[in-house]
Amino acid sequence: MRILLADDQPEIRTGLRLLFEQEPDMRIVGEIGDLQGLPTEVARVQPDLLLIDWELSPLKMGDTLPILKRIHPGLRIVALSGRPEGRKTALASGADAFVSKGDPPERVLAVLRREGRPETGGGS
């Protein structure tokens, strides 16, 4: 699975990269720290899955996620947040699933694996 990481905190991106590098079925194809360049990066790297920090710009996510899915129709989007209460808004805005930054690594991996297979995706 090809993953694009979008988080404005380099230490979060580094931690996720280290986690995914241990998984033979996951590969980081790009990293981005802001919302502005995200459409261009999605078009450039064509990831299977976007793991996006919901706090990059929560007020603009409702507009941004549909644009990303138009750019790359097969894209699965998993919202990531340190605020578990953001789950409902993220899913309503077009995210396919949600994980908390406080979730154990096993849960994050399980959600990404499930969402990486669109036929079995289910909005966690």
Protein backbone atom coordinates (compact mmCIF):
# COMPACT_ATOMS: atom_id res chain seq x y z
CA MET A 1 0.00 0.00 0.00
CA ARG A 2 1.32 3.41 -1.01
CA ILE A 3 0.78 6.02 1.74
CA LEU A 4 1.02 9.80 1.68
CA LEU A 5 1.51 11.39 5.12
CA ALA A 6 0.12 14.88 5.74
CA ASP A 7 0.92 16.33 9.16
CA ASP A 8 2.44 19.68 10.12
CA GLN A 9 4.49 18.11 12.93
CA PRO A 10 7.73 16.57 11.61
CA GLU A 11 8.07 14.38 14.71
CA ILE A 12 4.65 12.82 14.05
CA ARG A 13 5.57 12.14 10.41
CA THR A 14 8.87 10.61 11.53
CA GLY A 15 7.15 8.35 14.07
CA LEU A 16 4.60 7.18 11.51
CA ARG A 17 7.29 6.63 8.89
CA LEU A 18 9.28 4.48 11.34
CA LEU A 19 6.15 2.47 12.14
CA PHE A 20 5.26 1.90 8.49
CA GLU A 21 8.84 1.04 7.47
CA GLN A 22 8.52 -2.06 9.65
CA GLU A 23 5.53 -3.24 7.61
CA PRO A 24 6.34 -5.03 4.32
CA ASP A 25 2.97 -4.12 2.78
CA MET A 26 3.23 -0.36 3.48
CA ARG A 27 5.37 2.22 1.74
CA ILE A 28 5.54 5.98 2.32
CA VAL A 29 5.48 7.67 -1.09
CA GLY A 30 5.43 11.25 0.19
CA GLU A 31 5.17 13.57 3.15
CA ILE A 32 3.69 17.04 3.34
CA GLY A 33 3.34 19.50 6.20
CA ASP A 34 0.57 21.80 4.95
CA LEU A 35 -2.82 21.74 3.30
CA GLN A 36 -1.92 24.18 0.53
CA GLY A 37 0.32 21.81 -1.44
CA LEU A 38 -1.73 18.69 -0.76
CA PRO A 39 -3.72 18.53 -4.04
CA THR A 40 -0.53 18.83 -6.06
CA GLU A 41 1.20 16.15 -3.99
CA VAL A 42 -1.76 13.74 -4.31
CA ALA A 43 -1.74 14.22 -8.09
CA ARG A 44 2.03 13.74 -8.23
CA VAL A 45 2.44 10.59 -6.08
CA GLN A 46 -0.98 8.94 -6.63
CA PRO A 47 -1.11 7.23 -3.20
CA ASP A 48 -3.50 4.43 -2.32
CA LEU A 49 -4.12 6.07 1.04
CA LEU A 50 -3.75 9.54 2.54
CA LEU A 51 -3.19 9.71 6.30
CA ILE A 52 -4.02 13.32 7.10
CA ASP A 53 -3.79 15.29 10.32
CA TRP A 54 -7.30 16.62 10.82
CA GLU A 55 -5.92 19.71 12.54
CA LEU A 56 -4.03 20.87 9.42
CA SER A 57 -7.07 23.04 8.73
CA PRO A 58 -10.30 21.59 10.10
CA LEU A 59 -12.45 24.40 8.69
CA LYS A 60 -11.25 23.71 5.14
CA MET A 61 -11.26 19.91 5.22
CA GLY A 62 -14.89 19.66 4.12
CA ASP A 63 -13.92 21.45 0.90
CA THR A 64 -10.50 19.82 0.48
CA LEU A 65 -11.35 16.11 0.79
CA PRO A 66 -13.79 16.06 -2.17
CA ILE A 67 -11.19 17.88 -4.30
CA LEU A 68 -8.58 15.25 -3.42
CA LYS A 69 -10.97 12.45 -4.35
CA ARG A 70 -11.69 14.13 -7.70
CA ILE A 71 -7.95 14.42 -8.38
CA HIS A 72 -7.40 10.76 -7.50
CA PRO A 73 -10.74 8.86 -7.47
CA GLY A 74 -9.37 5.68 -5.85
CA LEU A 75 -7.85 7.58 -2.93
CA ARG A 76 -8.77 6.40 0.56
CA ILE A 77 -8.50 9.07 3.26
CA VAL A 78 -7.86 8.35 6.92
CA ALA A 79 -8.12 11.34 9.25
CA LEU A 80 -5.65 11.44 12.13
CA SER A 81 -6.21 13.61 15.19
CA GLY A 82 -5.10 14.11 18.75
CA ARG A 83 -8.71 15.01 19.47
CA PRO A 84 -10.93 11.90 19.35
CA GLU A 85 -14.02 14.12 19.36
CA GLY A 86 -13.10 15.13 15.78
CA ARG A 87 -14.11 11.69 14.50
CA LYS A 88 -17.72 12.54 13.65
CA THR A 89 -16.80 15.73 11.78
CA ALA A 90 -13.98 14.02 9.88
CA LEU A 91 -16.21 11.19 8.69
CA ALA A 92 -19.02 13.61 7.78
CA SER A 93 -16.52 15.68 5.77
CA GLY A 94 -15.53 12.75 3.56
CA ALA A 95 -12.79 10.87 5.42
CA ASP A 96 -13.12 7.11 4.96
CA ALA A 97 -11.89 6.37 8.48
CA PHE A 98 -10.51 8.03 11.60
CA VAL A 99 -7.69 7.19 13.98
CA SER A 100 -6.56 9.01 17.07
CA LYS A 101 -2.95 9.98 17.65
CA GLY A 102 -3.41 8.27 21.02
CA ASP A 103 -4.41 4.93 19.47
CA PRO A 104 -1.92 2.08 19.85
CA PRO A 105 0.17 1.38 16.72
CA GLU A 106 -1.67 -1.91 16.17
CA ARG A 107 -4.98 -0.08 15.80
CA VAL A 108 -3.52 2.47 13.37
CA LEU A 109 -2.04 -0.34 11.25
CA ALA A 110 -5.29 -2.31 11.31
CA VAL A 111 -7.35 0.67 10.14
CA LEU A 112 -4.89 1.50 7.37
CA ARG A 113 -4.81 -2.10 6.16
CA ARG A 114 -8.59 -2.27 6.10
CA GLU A 115 -8.96 1.08 4.35
CA GLY A 116 -6.18 0.21 1.90
CA ARG A 117 -8.59 -2.35 0.50
CA PRO A 118 -11.53 -0.20 -0.74
CA GLU A 119 -13.82 -3.18 -1.17
CA THR A 120 -13.66 -3.78 2.59
CA GLY A 121 -13.42 -0.16 3.82
CA GLY A 122 -15.86 0.73 6.51
CA GLY A 123 -15.48 4.16 8.11
CA SER A 124 -13.73 3.53 11.42
